[in-house]
């Protein structure tokens, strides 16, 4: 499996522990494991993209809030 997915035994163990791939008998079914691993990578990529988008949104909202605060400080104070 390590040669098939081009990764270390430790990483295969991690994937197995996380339930990404499942051992059957004395090994892993190559086709099922490959498909499961590709799906796992796609999920991880989608989650990473969402995190980046969320961080960019928060940064934009923070900048907008900061500008509003700066503008409010420039307004004359009423009695």
PDB file of N, CA and C in Angstrom:
ATOM      1  N   UNK A   1       0.827  -1.184   0.000  1.00  0.00           N
ATOM      2  CA  UNK A   1       0.000   0.000   0.000  1.00  0.00           C
ATOM      3  C   UNK A   1       0.873   1.251   0.000  1.00  0.00           C
ATOM      4  N   UNK A   2       1.991   1.217   0.714  1.00  0.00           N
ATOM      5  CA  UNK A   2       2.861   2.401   0.758  1.00  0.00           C
ATOM      6  C   UNK A   2       3.382   2.756  -0.630  1.00  0.00           C
ATOM      7  N   UNK A   3       3.730   1.753  -1.414  1.00  0.00           N
ATOM      8  CA  UNK A   3       4.197   2.015  -2.781  1.00  0.00           C
ATOM      9  C   UNK A   3       3.048   2.480  -3.671  1.00  0.00           C
ATOM     10  N   UNK A   4       1.888   1.892  -3.476  1.00  0.00           N
ATOM     11  CA  UNK A   4       0.725   2.213  -4.307  1.00  0.00           C
ATOM     12  C   UNK A   4       0.281   3.667  -4.114  1.00  0.00           C
ATOM     13  N   UNK A   5       0.290   4.154  -2.861  1.00  0.00           N
ATOM     14  CA  UNK A   5      -0.124   5.532  -2.580  1.00  0.00           C
ATOM     15  C   UNK A   5       1.066   6.483  -2.443  1.00  0.00           C
ATOM     16  N   UNK A   6       2.284   5.945  -2.540  1.00  0.00           N
ATOM     17  CA  UNK A   6       3.509   6.739  -2.439  1.00  0.00           C
ATOM     18  C   UNK A   6       3.571   7.514  -1.126  1.00  0.00           C
ATOM     19  N   UNK A   7       3.437   6.779  -0.018  1.00  0.00           N
ATOM     20  CA  UNK A   7       3.543   7.410   1.301  1.00  0.00           C
ATOM     21  C   UNK A   7       4.146   6.408   2.289  1.00  0.00           C
ATOM     22  N   UNK A   8       4.436   6.875   3.479  1.00  0.00           N
ATOM     23  CA  UNK A   8       5.125   6.047   4.472  1.00  0.00           C
ATOM     24  C   UNK A   8       4.161   5.089   5.178  1.00  0.00           C
ATOM     25  N   UNK A   9       4.744   4.113   5.849  1.00  0.00           N
ATOM     26  CA  UNK A   9       3.936   3.173   6.639  1.00  0.00           C
ATOM     27  C   UNK A   9       3.217   3.901   7.769  1.00  0.00           C
ATOM     28  N   UNK A  10       3.907   4.881   8.355  1.00  0.00           N
ATOM     29  CA  UNK A  10       3.294   5.651   9.440  1.00  0.00           C
ATOM     30  C   UNK A  10       2.052   6.390   8.940  1.00  0.00           C
ATOM     31  N   UNK A  11       2.131   6.947   7.739  1.00  0.00           N
ATOM     32  CA  UNK A  11       0.994   7.674   7.174  1.00  0.00           C
ATOM     33  C   UNK A  11      -0.151   6.709   6.857  1.00  0.00           C
ATOM     34  N   UNK A  12       0.178   5.531   6.358  1.00  0.00           N
ATOM     35  CA  UNK A  12      -0.849   4.506   6.114  1.00  0.00           C
ATOM     36  C   UNK A  12      -1.519   4.147   7.437  1.00  0.00           C
ATOM     37  N   UNK A  13      -0.726   4.012   8.497  1.00  0.00           N
ATOM     38  CA  UNK A  13      -1.286   3.730   9.822  1.00  0.00           C
ATOM     39  C   UNK A  13      -2.218   4.834  10.290  1.00  0.00           C
ATOM     40  N   UNK A  14      -1.847   6.080  10.030  1.00  0.00           N
ATOM     41  CA  UNK A  14      -2.688   7.229  10.387  1.00  0.00           C
ATOM     42  C   UNK A  14      -4.002   7.179   9.611  1.00  0.00           C
ATOM     43  N   UNK A  15      -3.915   6.907   8.311  1.00  0.00           N
ATOM     44  CA  UNK A  15      -5.128   6.813   7.487  1.00  0.00           C
ATOM     45  C   UNK A  15      -6.038   5.691   7.983  1.00  0.00           C
ATOM     46  N   UNK A  16      -5.425   4.583   8.366  1.00  0.00           N
ATOM     47  CA  UNK A  16      -6.213   3.456   8.883  1.00  0.00           C
ATOM     48  C   UNK A  16      -6.855   3.831  10.224  1.00  0.00           C
ATOM     49  N   UNK A  17      -6.096   4.476  11.101  1.00  0.00           N
ATOM     50  CA  UNK A  17      -6.625   4.869  12.409  1.00  0.00           C
ATOM     51  C   UNK A  17      -7.775   5.867  12.274  1.00  0.00           C
ATOM     52  N   UNK A  18      -7.711   6.734  11.268  1.00  0.00           N
ATOM     53  CA  UNK A  18      -8.766   7.725  11.040  1.00  0.00           C
ATOM     54  C   UNK A  18      -9.951   7.143  10.277  1.00  0.00           C
ATOM     55  N   UNK A  19      -9.832   5.881   9.851  1.00  0.00           N
ATOM     56  CA  UNK A  19     -10.927   5.232   9.140  1.00  0.00           C
ATOM     57  C   UNK A  19     -11.006   5.579   7.665  1.00  0.00           C
ATOM     58  N   UNK A  20      -9.953   6.198   7.141  1.00  0.00           N
ATOM     59  CA  UNK A  20      -9.937   6.556   5.721  1.00  0.00           C
ATOM     60  C   UNK A  20      -9.840   5.297   4.880  1.00  0.00           C
ATOM     61  N   UNK A  21      -8.927   4.419   5.250  1.00  0.00           N
ATOM     62  CA  UNK A  21      -8.772   3.133   4.566  1.00  0.00           C
ATOM     63  C   UNK A  21      -8.962   2.024   5.592  1.00  0.00           C
ATOM     64  N   UNK A  22      -9.355   0.851   5.121  1.00  0.00           N
ATOM     65  CA  UNK A  22      -9.619  -0.258   6.029  1.00  0.00           C
ATOM     66  C   UNK A  22      -8.902  -1.510   5.558  1.00  0.00           C
ATOM     67  N   UNK A  23      -8.238  -2.127   6.504  1.00  0.00           N
ATOM     68  CA  UNK A  23      -7.534  -3.380   6.237  1.00  0.00           C
ATOM     69  C   UNK A  23      -8.553  -4.508   6.100  1.00  0.00           C
ATOM     70  N   UNK A  24      -8.312  -5.385   5.139  1.00  0.00           N
ATOM     71  CA  UNK A  24      -9.148  -6.578   4.978  1.00  0.00           C
ATOM     72  C   UNK A  24      -8.225  -7.784   4.953  1.00  0.00           C
ATOM     73  N   UNK A  25      -8.354  -8.602   5.962  1.00  0.00           N
ATOM     74  CA  UNK A  25      -7.474  -9.765   6.049  1.00  0.00           C
ATOM     75  C   UNK A  25      -6.052  -9.340   6.334  1.00  0.00           C
ATOM     76  N   UNK A  26      -5.136  -9.730   5.450  1.00  0.00           N
ATOM     77  CA  UNK A  26      -3.720  -9.430   5.686  1.00  0.00           C
ATOM     78  C   UNK A  26      -3.234  -8.193   4.930  1.00  0.00           C
ATOM     79  N   UNK A  27      -4.146  -7.421   4.350  1.00  0.00           N
ATOM     80  CA  UNK A  27      -3.718  -6.229   3.611  1.00  0.00           C
ATOM     81  C   UNK A  27      -4.872  -5.286   3.326  1.00  0.00           C
ATOM     82  N   UNK A  28      -4.621  -4.388   2.408  1.00  0.00           N
ATOM     83  CA  UNK A  28      -5.616  -3.397   2.026  1.00  0.00           C
ATOM     84  C   UNK A  28      -6.057  -3.650   0.583  1.00  0.00           C
ATOM     85  N   UNK A  29      -7.356  -3.596   0.305  1.00  0.00           N
ATOM     86  CA  UNK A  29      -7.803  -3.712  -1.086  1.00  0.00           C
ATOM     87  C   UNK A  29      -7.374  -2.444  -1.839  1.00  0.00           C
ATOM     88  N   UNK A  30      -6.543  -2.614  -2.859  1.00  0.00           N
ATOM     89  CA  UNK A  30      -5.926  -1.465  -3.522  1.00  0.00           C
ATOM     90  C   UNK A  30      -6.935  -0.508  -4.144  1.00  0.00           C
ATOM     91  N   UNK A  31      -7.871  -1.023  -4.922  1.00  0.00           N
ATOM     92  CA  UNK A  31      -8.824  -0.139  -5.602  1.00  0.00           C
ATOM     93  C   UNK A  31      -9.685   0.637  -4.606  1.00  0.00           C
ATOM     94  N   UNK A  32     -10.237  -0.051  -3.622  1.00  0.00           N
ATOM     95  CA  UNK A  32     -11.076   0.613  -2.619  1.00  0.00           C
ATOM     96  C   UNK A  32     -10.268   1.628  -1.819  1.00  0.00           C
ATOM     97  N   UNK A  33      -9.058   1.261  -1.465  1.00  0.00           N
ATOM     98  CA  UNK A  33      -8.209   2.157  -0.678  1.00  0.00           C
ATOM     99  C   UNK A  33      -7.821   3.389  -1.478  1.00  0.00           C
ATOM    100  N   UNK A  34      -7.522   3.195  -2.749  1.00  0.00           N
ATOM    101  CA  UNK A  34      -7.150   4.331  -3.602  1.00  0.00           C
ATOM    102  C   UNK A  34      -8.306   5.315  -3.718  1.00  0.00           C
ATOM    103  N   UNK A  35      -9.515   4.807  -3.975  1.00  0.00           N
ATOM    104  CA  UNK A  35     -10.697   5.668  -4.098  1.00  0.00           C
ATOM    105  C   UNK A  35     -10.971   6.376  -2.765  1.00  0.00           C
ATOM    106  N   UNK A  36     -10.879   5.645  -1.668  1.00  0.00           N
ATOM    107  CA  UNK A  36     -11.117   6.243  -0.349  1.00  0.00           C
ATOM    108  C   UNK A  36     -10.089   7.333  -0.057  1.00  0.00           C
ATOM    109  N   UNK A  37      -8.845   7.106  -0.421  1.00  0.00           N
ATOM    110  CA  UNK A  37      -7.793   8.093  -0.188  1.00  0.00           C
ATOM    111  C   UNK A  37      -8.017   9.341  -1.039  1.00  0.00           C
ATOM    112  N   UNK A  38      -8.403   9.171  -2.296  1.00  0.00           N
ATOM    113  CA  UNK A  38      -8.686  10.323  -3.157  1.00  0.00           C
ATOM    114  C   UNK A  38      -9.858  11.142  -2.614  1.00  0.00           C
ATOM    115  N   UNK A  39     -10.881  10.475  -2.136  1.00  0.00           N
ATOM    116  CA  UNK A  39     -12.020  11.191  -1.544  1.00  0.00           C
ATOM    117  C   UNK A  39     -11.589  11.956  -0.298  1.00  0.00           C
ATOM    118  N   UNK A  40     -10.744  11.332   0.495  1.00  0.00           N
ATOM    119  CA  UNK A  40     -10.211  11.983   1.699  1.00  0.00           C
ATOM    120  C   UNK A  40      -9.442  13.246   1.321  1.00  0.00           C
ATOM    121  N   UNK A  41      -8.584  13.151   0.320  1.00  0.00           N
ATOM    122  CA  UNK A  41      -7.809  14.312  -0.116  1.00  0.00           C
ATOM    123  C   UNK A  41      -8.722  15.423  -0.629  1.00  0.00           C
ATOM    124  N   UNK A  42      -9.752  15.061  -1.358  1.00  0.00           N
ATOM    125  CA  UNK A  42     -10.699  16.078  -1.859  1.00  0.00           C
ATOM    126  C   UNK A  42     -11.419  16.774  -0.712  1.00  0.00           C
ATOM    127  N   UNK A  43     -11.853  15.996   0.289  1.00  0.00           N
ATOM    128  CA  UNK A  43     -12.517  16.587   1.464  1.00  0.00           C
ATOM    129  C   UNK A  43     -11.588  17.558   2.172  1.00  0.00           C
ATOM    130  N   UNK A  44     -10.350  17.128   2.372  1.00  0.00           N
ATOM    131  CA  UNK A  44      -9.368  17.977   3.048  1.00  0.00           C
ATOM    132  C   UNK A  44      -9.133  19.267   2.269  1.00  0.00           C
ATOM    133  N   UNK A  45      -9.080  19.154   0.963  1.00  0.00           N
ATOM    134  CA  UNK A  45      -8.845  20.338   0.131  1.00  0.00           C
ATOM    135  C   UNK A  45     -10.026  21.304   0.217  1.00  0.00           C
ATOM    136  N   UNK A  46     -11.244  20.765   0.183  1.00  0.00           N
ATOM    137  CA  UNK A  46     -12.436  21.619   0.295  1.00  0.00           C
ATOM    138  C   UNK A  46     -12.463  22.330   1.634  1.00  0.00           C
ATOM    139  N   UNK A  47     -12.151  21.607   2.703  1.00  0.00           N
ATOM    140  CA  UNK A  47     -12.154  22.214   4.033  1.00  0.00           C
ATOM    141  C   UNK A  47     -11.079  23.282   4.137  1.00  0.00           C
ATOM    142  N   UNK A  48      -9.925  23.038   3.550  1.00  0.00           N
ATOM    143  CA  UNK A  48      -8.839  24.011   3.571  1.00  0.00           C
ATOM    144  C   UNK A  48      -9.240  25.262   2.805  1.00  0.00           C
ATOM    145  N   UNK A  49      -9.887  25.094   1.657  1.00  0.00           N
ATOM    146  CA  UNK A  49     -10.336  26.237   0.861  1.00  0.00           C
ATOM    147  C   UNK A  49     -11.361  27.057   1.626  1.00  0.00           C
ATOM    148  N   UNK A  50     -12.262  26.378   2.316  1.00  0.00           N
ATOM    149  CA  UNK A  50     -13.264  27.089   3.111  1.00  0.00           C
ATOM    150  C   UNK A  50     -12.596  27.875   4.225  1.00  0.00           C
ATOM    151  N   UNK A  51     -11.614  27.285   4.877  1.00  0.00           N
ATOM    152  CA  UNK A  51     -10.910  27.970   5.959  1.00  0.00           C
ATOM    153  C   UNK A  51     -10.218  29.220   5.441  1.00  0.00           C
ATOM    154  N   UNK A  52      -9.586  29.109   4.280  1.00  0.00           N
ATOM    155  CA  UNK A  52      -8.917  30.267   3.688  1.00  0.00           C
ATOM    156  C   UNK A  52      -9.927  31.344   3.329  1.00  0.00           C
ATOM    157  N   UNK A  53     -11.055  30.951   2.770  1.00  0.00           N
ATOM    158  CA  UNK A  53     -12.096  31.916   2.405  1.00  0.00           C
ATOM    159  C   UNK A  53     -12.672  32.580   3.653  1.00  0.00           C
ATOM    160  N   UNK A  54     -12.892  31.792   4.704  1.00  0.00           N
ATOM    161  CA  UNK A  54     -13.398  32.354   5.955  1.00  0.00           C
ATOM    162  C   UNK A  54     -12.414  33.360   6.540  1.00  0.00           C
ATOM    163  N   UNK A  55     -11.136  33.034   6.513  1.00  0.00           N
ATOM    164  CA  UNK A  55     -10.115  33.943   7.040  1.00  0.00           C
ATOM    165  C   UNK A  55     -10.066  35.231   6.227  1.00  0.00           C
ATOM    166  N   UNK A  56     -10.182  35.130   4.914  1.00  0.00           N
ATOM    167  CA  UNK A  56     -10.179  36.321   4.061  1.00  0.00           C
ATOM    168  C   UNK A  56     -11.409  37.181   4.346  1.00  0.00           C
ATOM    169  N   UNK A  57     -12.550  36.541   4.558  1.00  0.00           N
ATOM    170  CA  UNK A  57     -13.778  37.273   4.867  1.00  0.00           C
ATOM    171  C   UNK A  57     -13.641  38.018   6.200  1.00  0.00           C
ATOM    172  N   UNK A  58     -13.121  37.353   7.203  1.00  0.00           N
ATOM    173  CA  UNK A  58     -12.928  37.988   8.511  1.00  0.00           C
ATOM    174  C   UNK A  58     -11.961  39.159   8.391  1.00  0.00           C
ATOM    175  N   UNK A  59     -10.896  39.002   7.636  1.00  0.00           N
ATOM    176  CA  UNK A  59      -9.933  40.092   7.450  1.00  0.00           C
ATOM    177  C   UNK A  59     -10.594  41.284   6.762  1.00  0.00           C
ATOM    178  N   UNK A  60     -11.419  41.025   5.753  1.00  0.00           N
ATOM    179  CA  UNK A  60     -12.107  42.108   5.046  1.00  0.00           C
ATOM    180  C   UNK A  60     -13.103  42.811   5.963  1.00  0.00           C
ATOM    181  N   UNK A  61     -13.849  42.051   6.737  1.00  0.00           N
ATOM    182  CA  UNK A  61     -14.813  42.649   7.659  1.00  0.00           C
ATOM    183  C   UNK A  61     -14.110  43.459   8.747  1.00  0.00           C
ATOM    184  N   UNK A  62     -12.978  42.988   9.216  1.00  0.00           N
ATOM    185  CA  UNK A  62     -12.205  43.712  10.223  1.00  0.00           C
ATOM    186  C   UNK A  62     -11.706  45.033   9.660  1.00  0.00           C
ATOM    187  N   UNK A  63     -11.209  45.009   8.435  1.00  0.00           N
ATOM    188  CA  UNK A  63     -10.733  46.239   7.795  1.00  0.00           C
ATOM    189  C   UNK A  63     -11.884  47.226   7.624  1.00  0.00           C
ATOM    190  N   UNK A  64     -13.045  46.738   7.229  1.00  0.00           N
ATOM    191  CA  UNK A  64     -14.223  47.589   7.061  1.00  0.00           C
ATOM    192  C   UNK A  64     -14.630  48.206   8.400  1.00  0.00           C
ATOM    193  N   UNK A  65     -14.657  47.412   9.442  1.00  0.00           N
ATOM    194  CA  UNK A  65     -15.004  47.889  10.781  1.00  0.00           C
ATOM    195  C   UNK A  65     -14.007  48.946  11.248  1.00  0.00           C
ATOM    196  N   UNK A  66     -12.746  48.701  11.003  1.00  0.00           N
ATOM    197  CA  UNK A  66     -11.697  49.642  11.398  1.00  0.00           C
ATOM    198  C   UNK A  66     -11.889  50.987  10.689  1.00  0.00           C
ATOM    199  N   UNK A  67     -12.209  50.938   9.398  1.00  0.00           N
ATOM    200  CA  UNK A  67     -12.448  52.174   8.639  1.00  0.00           C
ATOM    201  C   UNK A  67     -13.662  52.926   9.176  1.00  0.00           C
ATOM    202  N   UNK A  68     -14.708  52.203   9.511  1.00  0.00           N
ATOM    203  CA  UNK A  68     -15.896  52.852  10.077  1.00  0.00           C
ATOM    204  C   UNK A  68     -15.565  53.527  11.403  1.00  0.00           C
ATOM    205  N   UNK A  69     -14.800  52.855  12.227  1.00  0.00           N
ATOM    206  CA  UNK A  69     -14.393  53.440  13.512  1.00  0.00           C
ATOM    207  C   UNK A  69     -13.578  54.706  13.283  1.00  0.00           C
ATOM    208  N   UNK A  70     -12.664  54.668  12.328  1.00  0.00           N
ATOM    209  CA  UNK A  70     -11.847  55.844  12.021  1.00  0.00           C
ATOM    210  C   UNK A  70     -12.724  56.996  11.547  1.00  0.00           C
ATOM    211  N   UNK A  71     -13.717  56.715  10.709  1.00  0.00           N
ATOM    212  CA  UNK A  71     -14.620  57.763  10.230  1.00  0.00           C
ATOM    213  C   UNK A  71     -15.452  58.345  11.366  1.00  0.00           C
ATOM    214  N   UNK A  72     -15.914  57.494  12.264  1.00  0.00           N
ATOM    215  CA  UNK A  72     -16.704  57.976  13.398  1.00  0.00           C
ATOM    216  C   UNK A  72     -15.889  58.892  14.300  1.00  0.00           C
ATOM    217  N   UNK A  73     -14.614  58.619  14.430  1.00  0.00           N
ATOM    218  CA  UNK A  73     -13.755  59.468  15.261  1.00  0.00           C
ATOM    219  C   UNK A  73     -13.567  60.842  14.636  1.00  0.00           C
ATOM    220  N   UNK A  74     -13.713  60.947  13.330  1.00  0.00           N
ATOM    221  CA  UNK A  74     -13.540  62.227  12.637  1.00  0.00           C
ATOM    222  C   UNK A  74     -14.790  63.103  12.705  1.00  0.00           C
ATOM    223  N   UNK A  75     -15.942  62.506  12.986  1.00  0.00           N
ATOM    224  CA  UNK A  75     -17.183  63.279  13.049  1.00  0.00           C
ATOM    225  C   UNK A  75     -17.193  64.169  14.291  1.00  0.00           C
ATOM    226  N   UNK A  76     -17.749  65.392  14.167  1.00  0.00           N
ATOM    227  CA  UNK A  76     -17.841  66.252  15.352  1.00  0.00           C
ATOM    228  C   UNK A  76     -18.809  65.641  16.366  1.00  0.00           C
ATOM    229  N   UNK A  77     -18.481  65.782  17.624  1.00  0.00           N
ATOM    230  CA  UNK A  77     -19.325  65.220  18.685  1.00  0.00           C
ATOM    231  C   UNK A  77     -20.455  66.187  18.993  1.00  0.00           C
ATOM    232  N   UNK A  78     -21.671  65.663  19.073  1.00  0.00           N
ATOM    233  CA  UNK A  78     -22.836  66.485  19.387  1.00  0.00           C
ATOM    234  C   UNK A  78     -22.990  66.675  20.885  1.00  0.00           C
ATOM    235  N   UNK A  79     -23.713  67.707  21.264  1.00  0.00           N
ATOM    236  CA  UNK A  79     -23.927  67.984  22.700  1.00  0.00           C
ATOM    237  C   UNK A  79     -25.051  67.185  23.216  1.00  0.00           C
TER     238      UNK A  79
END
